[in-house]
Amino acid sequence: MYPRELTAPMSAELVSAGVSELHSPEEVVSVLDQQEGTTLLVVNSVCGCAAGAARPGVIASLRSENLPDRVVTVFAGVDKEATQKAREYLLPYPPSSPAIALFKDGKLVHMIERHHIEGRPAMMISENLKAAYETYCK
């Protein structure tokens, strides 16, 4: 587990872009159990691909015409129970940090796993997400 003091700047990147943090399993359930609308879930991480591609890609994607109704994040290695609960909603995908998932009407419709993030530029992640928003967030 990482101390929150260490990860605060990493969390602040997303929060400053309007992303809501989920710190408990109950918060995760209250958001991801919603059966109407769209939710983007970001599994944040301390790794370099989160810093170089995932977080900047998510932030850039939020400058799109079509956006999810809700954008939330859990932090792997910080909020252990919240992250575990969020990963239940990501099945059958294996645990991945970072990861980005889009839900529509309570169903997982788009998933970006770590191996899709590593070695890719933030703008590629952003364009991938914008295409998903165009499909699911109208």
N, C-alpha and C. Protein backbone atom coordinates (compact mmCIF):
# COMPACT_ATOMS: atom_id res chain seq x y z
N MET A 1 0.84 -1.18 0.00
CA MET A 1 0.00 0.00 0.00
C MET A 1 0.89 1.25 0.00
N TYR A 2 0.48 2.21 -0.77
CA TYR A 2 1.21 3.47 -0.86
C TYR A 2 0.58 4.50 0.08
N PRO A 3 1.41 5.31 0.72
CA PRO A 3 0.84 6.36 1.56
C PRO A 3 0.15 7.42 0.71
N ARG A 4 -0.99 7.88 1.19
CA ARG A 4 -1.77 8.88 0.46
C ARG A 4 -0.97 10.15 0.18
N GLU A 5 -0.03 10.47 1.06
CA GLU A 5 0.81 11.67 0.86
C GLU A 5 1.64 11.54 -0.42
N LEU A 6 2.08 10.34 -0.71
CA LEU A 6 2.86 10.09 -1.92
C LEU A 6 2.01 10.17 -3.18
N THR A 7 0.79 9.67 -3.08
CA THR A 7 -0.06 9.58 -4.28
C THR A 7 -0.97 10.79 -4.47
N ALA A 8 -1.01 11.70 -3.52
CA ALA A 8 -1.91 12.86 -3.61
C ALA A 8 -1.74 13.64 -4.92
N PRO A 9 -0.52 13.94 -5.37
CA PRO A 9 -0.41 14.67 -6.64
C PRO A 9 -0.95 13.88 -7.84
N MET A 10 -0.82 12.56 -7.79
CA MET A 10 -1.32 11.70 -8.86
C MET A 10 -2.84 11.70 -8.88
N SER A 11 -3.44 11.71 -7.71
CA SER A 11 -4.89 11.80 -7.60
C SER A 11 -5.38 13.17 -8.03
N ALA A 12 -4.64 14.19 -7.62
CA ALA A 12 -5.04 15.57 -7.90
C ALA A 12 -5.13 15.85 -9.40
N GLU A 13 -4.29 15.18 -10.20
CA GLU A 13 -4.35 15.36 -11.66
C GLU A 13 -5.76 15.08 -12.18
N LEU A 14 -6.31 13.96 -11.75
CA LEU A 14 -7.65 13.58 -12.22
C LEU A 14 -8.73 14.43 -11.56
N VAL A 15 -8.60 14.65 -10.27
CA VAL A 15 -9.61 15.42 -9.54
C VAL A 15 -9.73 16.83 -10.11
N SER A 16 -8.59 17.44 -10.45
CA SER A 16 -8.62 18.80 -11.00
C SER A 16 -9.30 18.84 -12.37
N ALA A 17 -9.43 17.69 -13.02
CA ALA A 17 -10.12 17.61 -14.31
C ALA A 17 -11.59 17.24 -14.14
N GLY A 18 -12.05 17.15 -12.88
CA GLY A 18 -13.45 16.86 -12.63
C GLY A 18 -13.77 15.41 -12.34
N VAL A 19 -12.76 14.58 -12.14
CA VAL A 19 -12.96 13.16 -11.84
C VAL A 19 -13.19 13.00 -10.34
N SER A 20 -14.21 12.24 -9.97
CA SER A 20 -14.54 12.02 -8.56
C SER A 20 -13.84 10.77 -8.04
N GLU A 21 -13.25 10.89 -6.87
CA GLU A 21 -12.58 9.76 -6.24
C GLU A 21 -13.57 8.90 -5.47
N LEU A 22 -13.36 7.59 -5.55
CA LEU A 22 -14.14 6.64 -4.77
C LEU A 22 -13.18 5.96 -3.81
N HIS A 23 -13.42 6.12 -2.52
CA HIS A 23 -12.48 5.60 -1.51
C HIS A 23 -12.97 4.35 -0.80
N SER A 24 -14.22 3.98 -0.97
CA SER A 24 -14.76 2.83 -0.24
C SER A 24 -15.54 1.93 -1.18
N PRO A 25 -15.70 0.67 -0.80
CA PRO A 25 -16.52 -0.24 -1.62
C PRO A 25 -17.95 0.28 -1.76
N GLU A 26 -18.47 0.89 -0.71
CA GLU A 26 -19.84 1.41 -0.76
C GLU A 26 -19.98 2.51 -1.81
N GLU A 27 -18.97 3.37 -1.91
CA GLU A 27 -19.00 4.42 -2.93
C GLU A 27 -18.94 3.81 -4.33
N VAL A 28 -18.13 2.79 -4.50
CA VAL A 28 -18.03 2.11 -5.80
C VAL A 28 -19.38 1.53 -6.19
N VAL A 29 -20.00 0.83 -5.27
CA VAL A 29 -21.30 0.21 -5.54
C VAL A 29 -22.34 1.27 -5.89
N SER A 30 -22.35 2.37 -5.14
CA SER A 30 -23.37 3.40 -5.39
C SER A 30 -23.25 4.00 -6.78
N VAL A 31 -22.06 4.06 -7.32
CA VAL A 31 -21.86 4.61 -8.67
C VAL A 31 -22.03 3.53 -9.74
N LEU A 32 -21.34 2.41 -9.58
CA LEU A 32 -21.32 1.41 -10.65
C LEU A 32 -22.58 0.56 -10.72
N ASP A 33 -23.41 0.60 -9.70
CA ASP A 33 -24.69 -0.11 -9.76
C ASP A 33 -25.77 0.70 -10.47
N GLN A 34 -25.47 1.92 -10.87
CA GLN A 34 -26.47 2.74 -11.55
C GLN A 34 -26.81 2.11 -12.90
N GLN A 35 -28.08 1.95 -13.14
CA GLN A 35 -28.54 1.25 -14.34
C GLN A 35 -28.90 2.18 -15.49
N GLU A 36 -28.73 3.48 -15.30
CA GLU A 36 -29.00 4.43 -16.37
C GLU A 36 -27.80 5.34 -16.57
N GLY A 37 -27.52 5.62 -17.82
CA GLY A 37 -26.44 6.55 -18.14
C GLY A 37 -25.10 5.85 -18.29
N THR A 38 -24.08 6.69 -18.39
CA THR A 38 -22.72 6.20 -18.64
C THR A 38 -21.77 6.62 -17.52
N THR A 39 -20.83 5.75 -17.24
CA THR A 39 -19.82 6.00 -16.21
C THR A 39 -18.46 5.57 -16.73
N LEU A 40 -17.49 6.48 -16.62
CA LEU A 40 -16.10 6.13 -16.92
C LEU A 40 -15.40 5.88 -15.59
N LEU A 41 -14.76 4.73 -15.48
CA LEU A 41 -14.00 4.36 -14.28
C LEU A 41 -12.53 4.29 -14.64
N VAL A 42 -11.71 5.02 -13.89
CA VAL A 42 -10.27 4.99 -14.07
C VAL A 42 -9.66 4.30 -12.86
N VAL A 43 -8.94 3.20 -13.10
CA VAL A 43 -8.17 2.57 -12.03
C VAL A 43 -6.79 3.22 -12.10
N ASN A 44 -6.54 4.14 -11.19
CA ASN A 44 -5.31 4.91 -11.16
C ASN A 44 -4.18 4.07 -10.57
N SER A 45 -2.95 4.48 -10.85
CA SER A 45 -1.78 3.71 -10.43
C SER A 45 -0.58 4.64 -10.32
N VAL A 46 0.44 4.20 -9.59
CA VAL A 46 1.67 4.98 -9.46
C VAL A 46 2.65 4.73 -10.60
N CYS A 47 2.36 3.80 -11.47
CA CYS A 47 3.31 3.40 -12.50
C CYS A 47 3.51 4.49 -13.55
N GLY A 48 4.57 4.36 -14.29
CA GLY A 48 4.90 5.34 -15.31
C GLY A 48 3.88 5.44 -16.42
N CYS A 49 3.25 4.32 -16.79
CA CYS A 49 2.28 4.39 -17.89
C CYS A 49 1.00 5.10 -17.43
N ALA A 50 0.72 5.10 -16.14
CA ALA A 50 -0.41 5.89 -15.64
C ALA A 50 -0.08 7.37 -15.75
N ALA A 51 1.15 7.72 -15.38
CA ALA A 51 1.58 9.12 -15.42
C ALA A 51 1.74 9.63 -16.84
N GLY A 52 2.30 8.81 -17.72
CA GLY A 52 2.61 9.27 -19.06
C GLY A 52 1.50 9.12 -20.07
N ALA A 53 0.58 8.18 -19.84
CA ALA A 53 -0.45 7.93 -20.85
C ALA A 53 -1.87 7.90 -20.29
N ALA A 54 -2.10 7.13 -19.23
CA ALA A 54 -3.48 6.94 -18.76
C ALA A 54 -4.11 8.23 -18.25
N ARG A 55 -3.50 8.85 -17.25
CA ARG A 55 -4.10 10.08 -16.70
C ARG A 55 -4.17 11.19 -17.74
N PRO A 56 -3.08 11.49 -18.46
CA PRO A 56 -3.19 12.55 -19.48
C PRO A 56 -4.18 12.19 -20.58
N GLY A 57 -4.27 10.92 -20.94
CA GLY A 57 -5.21 10.50 -21.97
C GLY A 57 -6.65 10.67 -21.54
N VAL A 58 -6.94 10.30 -20.30
CA VAL A 58 -8.29 10.50 -19.76
C VAL A 58 -8.63 11.98 -19.73
N ILE A 59 -7.72 12.79 -19.21
CA ILE A 59 -7.96 14.23 -19.09
C ILE A 59 -8.21 14.84 -20.47
N ALA A 60 -7.40 14.48 -21.45
CA ALA A 60 -7.60 15.02 -22.80
C ALA A 60 -8.93 14.55 -23.39
N SER A 61 -9.34 13.34 -23.07
CA SER A 61 -10.60 12.82 -23.62
C SER A 61 -11.81 13.58 -23.09
N LEU A 62 -11.65 14.22 -21.95
CA LEU A 62 -12.77 14.94 -21.34
C LEU A 62 -13.03 16.28 -22.02
N ARG A 63 -12.28 16.58 -23.05
CA ARG A 63 -12.51 17.76 -23.87
C ARG A 63 -13.25 17.35 -25.14
N SER A 64 -14.18 16.44 -25.00
CA SER A 64 -14.94 15.89 -26.11
C SER A 64 -16.37 16.42 -26.09
N GLU A 65 -17.02 16.37 -27.23
CA GLU A 65 -18.41 16.81 -27.31
C GLU A 65 -19.33 15.87 -26.53
N ASN A 66 -19.14 14.58 -26.70
CA ASN A 66 -19.92 13.58 -25.96
C ASN A 66 -19.09 13.09 -24.79
N LEU A 67 -19.68 13.13 -23.60
CA LEU A 67 -18.96 12.73 -22.39
C LEU A 67 -19.81 11.77 -21.57
N PRO A 68 -19.15 10.95 -20.76
CA PRO A 68 -19.90 10.11 -19.83
C PRO A 68 -20.64 10.97 -18.80
N ASP A 69 -21.72 10.43 -18.28
CA ASP A 69 -22.49 11.14 -17.25
C ASP A 69 -21.68 11.28 -15.95
N ARG A 70 -20.88 10.27 -15.66
CA ARG A 70 -20.07 10.25 -14.45
C ARG A 70 -18.66 9.82 -14.80
N VAL A 71 -17.67 10.42 -14.15
CA VAL A 71 -16.27 10.02 -14.34
C VAL A 71 -15.69 9.86 -12.94
N VAL A 72 -15.25 8.64 -12.63
CA VAL A 72 -14.79 8.32 -11.28
C VAL A 72 -13.47 7.57 -11.33
N THR A 73 -12.80 7.52 -10.18
CA THR A 73 -11.52 6.82 -10.10
C THR A 73 -11.36 6.12 -8.76
N VAL A 74 -10.68 5.01 -8.80
CA VAL A 74 -10.16 4.34 -7.60
C VAL A 74 -8.65 4.29 -7.78
N PHE A 75 -7.92 4.24 -6.67
CA PHE A 75 -6.46 4.23 -6.75
C PHE A 75 -5.94 2.89 -6.25
N ALA A 76 -5.42 2.09 -7.18
CA ALA A 76 -4.83 0.80 -6.83
C ALA A 76 -3.62 1.03 -5.94
N GLY A 77 -3.51 0.25 -4.89
CA GLY A 77 -2.39 0.39 -3.97
C GLY A 77 -2.62 1.44 -2.90
N VAL A 78 -3.76 2.12 -2.95
CA VAL A 78 -4.08 3.13 -1.94
C VAL A 78 -5.42 2.78 -1.30
N ASP A 79 -6.45 2.71 -2.10
CA ASP A 79 -7.79 2.36 -1.61
C ASP A 79 -8.06 0.91 -1.98
N LYS A 80 -7.47 0.00 -1.23
CA LYS A 80 -7.47 -1.42 -1.57
C LYS A 80 -8.88 -1.99 -1.71
N GLU A 81 -9.74 -1.75 -0.73
CA GLU A 81 -11.08 -2.33 -0.75
C GLU A 81 -11.92 -1.75 -1.89
N ALA A 82 -11.81 -0.45 -2.12
CA ALA A 82 -12.56 0.18 -3.21
C ALA A 82 -12.09 -0.37 -4.55
N THR A 83 -10.79 -0.54 -4.70
CA THR A 83 -10.25 -1.08 -5.95
C THR A 83 -10.70 -2.52 -6.17
N GLN A 84 -10.68 -3.31 -5.10
CA GLN A 84 -11.14 -4.70 -5.22
C GLN A 84 -12.61 -4.75 -5.65
N LYS A 85 -13.42 -3.90 -5.07
CA LYS A 85 -14.85 -3.87 -5.43
C LYS A 85 -15.00 -3.43 -6.88
N ALA A 86 -14.27 -2.41 -7.31
CA ALA A 86 -14.36 -1.94 -8.69
C ALA A 86 -13.95 -3.05 -9.66
N ARG A 87 -12.96 -3.81 -9.31
CA ARG A 87 -12.49 -4.88 -10.20
C ARG A 87 -13.53 -5.98 -10.38
N GLU A 88 -14.43 -6.12 -9.42
CA GLU A 88 -15.52 -7.09 -9.59
C GLU A 88 -16.40 -6.70 -10.77
N TYR A 89 -16.54 -5.42 -11.01
CA TYR A 89 -17.36 -4.93 -12.12
C TYR A 89 -16.62 -5.05 -13.46
N LEU A 90 -15.33 -5.28 -13.40
CA LEU A 90 -14.52 -5.36 -14.61
C LEU A 90 -14.34 -6.79 -15.13
N LEU A 91 -14.87 -7.76 -14.42
CA LEU A 91 -14.78 -9.14 -14.87
C LEU A 91 -15.47 -9.29 -16.22
N PRO A 92 -14.95 -10.08 -17.13
CA PRO A 92 -13.96 -11.12 -16.96
C PRO A 92 -12.52 -10.66 -17.15
N TYR A 93 -12.30 -9.35 -17.24
CA TYR A 93 -10.93 -8.85 -17.40
C TYR A 93 -10.15 -9.07 -16.11
N PRO A 94 -8.88 -9.46 -16.23
CA PRO A 94 -8.06 -9.64 -15.02
C PRO A 94 -7.69 -8.29 -14.41
N PRO A 95 -7.31 -8.28 -13.14
CA PRO A 95 -6.89 -7.02 -12.50
C PRO A 95 -5.79 -6.35 -13.32
N SER A 96 -5.94 -5.05 -13.49
CA SER A 96 -5.02 -4.27 -14.29
C SER A 96 -4.94 -2.87 -13.71
N SER A 97 -3.72 -2.37 -13.54
CA SER A 97 -3.53 -1.00 -13.07
C SER A 97 -2.41 -0.40 -13.90
N PRO A 98 -2.66 0.65 -14.58
CA PRO A 98 -3.94 1.35 -14.69
C PRO A 98 -4.89 0.60 -15.62
N ALA A 99 -6.13 1.03 -15.58
CA ALA A 99 -7.16 0.52 -16.47
C ALA A 99 -8.23 1.59 -16.59
N ILE A 100 -8.96 1.56 -17.70
CA ILE A 100 -10.01 2.54 -17.93
C ILE A 100 -11.21 1.77 -18.49
N ALA A 101 -12.37 1.95 -17.87
CA ALA A 101 -13.56 1.20 -18.29
C ALA A 101 -14.74 2.15 -18.45
N LEU A 102 -15.53 1.88 -19.47
CA LEU A 102 -16.75 2.64 -19.70
C LEU A 102 -17.94 1.72 -19.52
N PHE A 103 -18.89 2.18 -18.72
CA PHE A 103 -20.13 1.45 -18.47
C PHE A 103 -21.30 2.22 -19.06
N LYS A 104 -22.25 1.50 -19.63
CA LYS A 104 -23.49 2.10 -20.11
C LYS A 104 -24.64 1.30 -19.55
N ASP A 105 -25.54 2.00 -18.89
CA ASP A 105 -26.72 1.36 -18.29
C ASP A 105 -26.33 0.15 -17.44
N GLY A 106 -25.25 0.31 -16.67
CA GLY A 106 -24.82 -0.73 -15.74
C GLY A 106 -24.00 -1.85 -16.35
N LYS A 107 -23.72 -1.79 -17.64
CA LYS A 107 -22.95 -2.85 -18.30
C LYS A 107 -21.61 -2.31 -18.81
N LEU A 108 -20.56 -3.11 -18.64
CA LEU A 108 -19.24 -2.77 -19.15
C LEU A 108 -19.27 -2.86 -20.67
N VAL A 109 -18.97 -1.73 -21.34
CA VAL A 109 -19.04 -1.71 -22.80
C VAL A 109 -17.71 -1.42 -23.48
N HIS A 110 -16.73 -0.92 -22.72
CA HIS A 110 -15.42 -0.58 -23.31
C HIS A 110 -14.36 -0.70 -22.23
N MET A 111 -13.25 -1.36 -22.56
CA MET A 111 -12.20 -1.59 -21.56
C MET A 111 -10.84 -1.34 -22.19
N ILE A 112 -10.03 -0.58 -21.46
CA ILE A 112 -8.63 -0.36 -21.84
C ILE A 112 -7.78 -0.90 -20.69
N GLU A 113 -7.06 -1.98 -20.96
CA GLU A 113 -6.22 -2.60 -19.95
C GLU A 113 -4.81 -2.02 -20.02
N ARG A 114 -4.03 -2.33 -18.99
CA ARG A 114 -2.66 -1.83 -18.91
C ARG A 114 -1.87 -2.11 -20.19
N HIS A 115 -2.01 -3.31 -20.73
CA HIS A 115 -1.22 -3.65 -21.93
C HIS A 115 -1.66 -2.83 -23.15
N HIS A 116 -2.82 -2.19 -23.09
CA HIS A 116 -3.23 -1.26 -24.15
C HIS A 116 -2.70 0.15 -23.89
N ILE A 117 -2.22 0.40 -22.69
CA ILE A 117 -1.75 1.73 -22.27
C ILE A 117 -0.23 1.83 -22.38
N GLU A 118 0.46 0.79 -21.92
CA GLU A 118 1.93 0.80 -21.90
C GLU A 118 2.50 1.06 -23.30
N GLY A 119 3.43 2.01 -23.36
CA GLY A 119 4.12 2.28 -24.60
C GLY A 119 3.33 3.06 -25.64
N ARG A 120 2.15 3.50 -25.26
CA ARG A 120 1.32 4.27 -26.18
C ARG A 120 1.22 5.71 -25.72
N PRO A 121 1.13 6.65 -26.64
CA PRO A 121 1.03 8.05 -26.24
C PRO A 121 -0.35 8.38 -25.67
N ALA A 122 -0.38 9.39 -24.83
CA ALA A 122 -1.62 9.82 -24.18
C ALA A 122 -2.70 10.15 -25.21
N MET A 123 -2.31 10.74 -26.33
CA MET A 123 -3.31 11.12 -27.33
C MET A 123 -3.97 9.91 -27.97
N MET A 124 -3.26 8.79 -28.04
CA MET A 124 -3.87 7.57 -28.56
C MET A 124 -4.93 7.07 -27.58
N ILE A 125 -4.64 7.13 -26.29
CA ILE A 125 -5.62 6.75 -25.27
C ILE A 125 -6.82 7.69 -25.35
N SER A 126 -6.55 8.97 -25.47
CA SER A 126 -7.63 9.97 -25.57
C SER A 126 -8.52 9.69 -26.77
N GLU A 127 -7.94 9.44 -27.93
CA GLU A 127 -8.73 9.19 -29.14
C GLU A 127 -9.54 7.91 -29.01
N ASN A 128 -8.97 6.90 -28.39
CA ASN A 128 -9.69 5.66 -28.13
C ASN A 128 -10.93 5.94 -27.28
N LEU A 129 -10.74 6.71 -26.21
CA LEU A 129 -11.86 7.03 -25.33
C LEU A 129 -12.90 7.90 -26.03
N LYS A 130 -12.45 8.88 -26.80
CA LYS A 130 -13.40 9.74 -27.52
C LYS A 130 -14.26 8.92 -28.48
N ALA A 131 -13.67 7.93 -29.13
CA ALA A 131 -14.45 7.06 -30.03
C ALA A 131 -15.49 6.28 -29.22
N ALA A 132 -15.11 5.82 -28.04
CA ALA A 132 -16.07 5.10 -27.19
C ALA A 132 -17.18 6.04 -26.73
N TYR A 133 -16.83 7.28 -26.38
CA TYR A 133 -17.85 8.26 -25.98
C TYR A 133 -18.81 8.51 -27.13
N GLU A 134 -18.28 8.61 -28.34
CA GLU A 134 -19.12 8.85 -29.52
C GLU A 134 -20.12 7.72 -29.70
N THR A 135 -19.69 6.52 -29.43
CA THR A 135 -20.56 5.35 -29.58
C THR A 135 -21.57 5.23 -28.45
N TYR A 136 -21.14 5.43 -27.22
CA TYR A 136 -21.98 5.09 -26.06
C TYR A 136 -22.54 6.27 -25.26
N CYS A 137 -22.03 7.47 -25.46
CA CYS A 137 -22.42 8.58 -24.59
C CYS A 137 -23.27 9.64 -25.28
N LYS A 138 -23.99 9.28 -26.31
CA LYS A 138 -24.84 10.26 -27.00
C LYS A 138 -26.14 10.45 -26.27
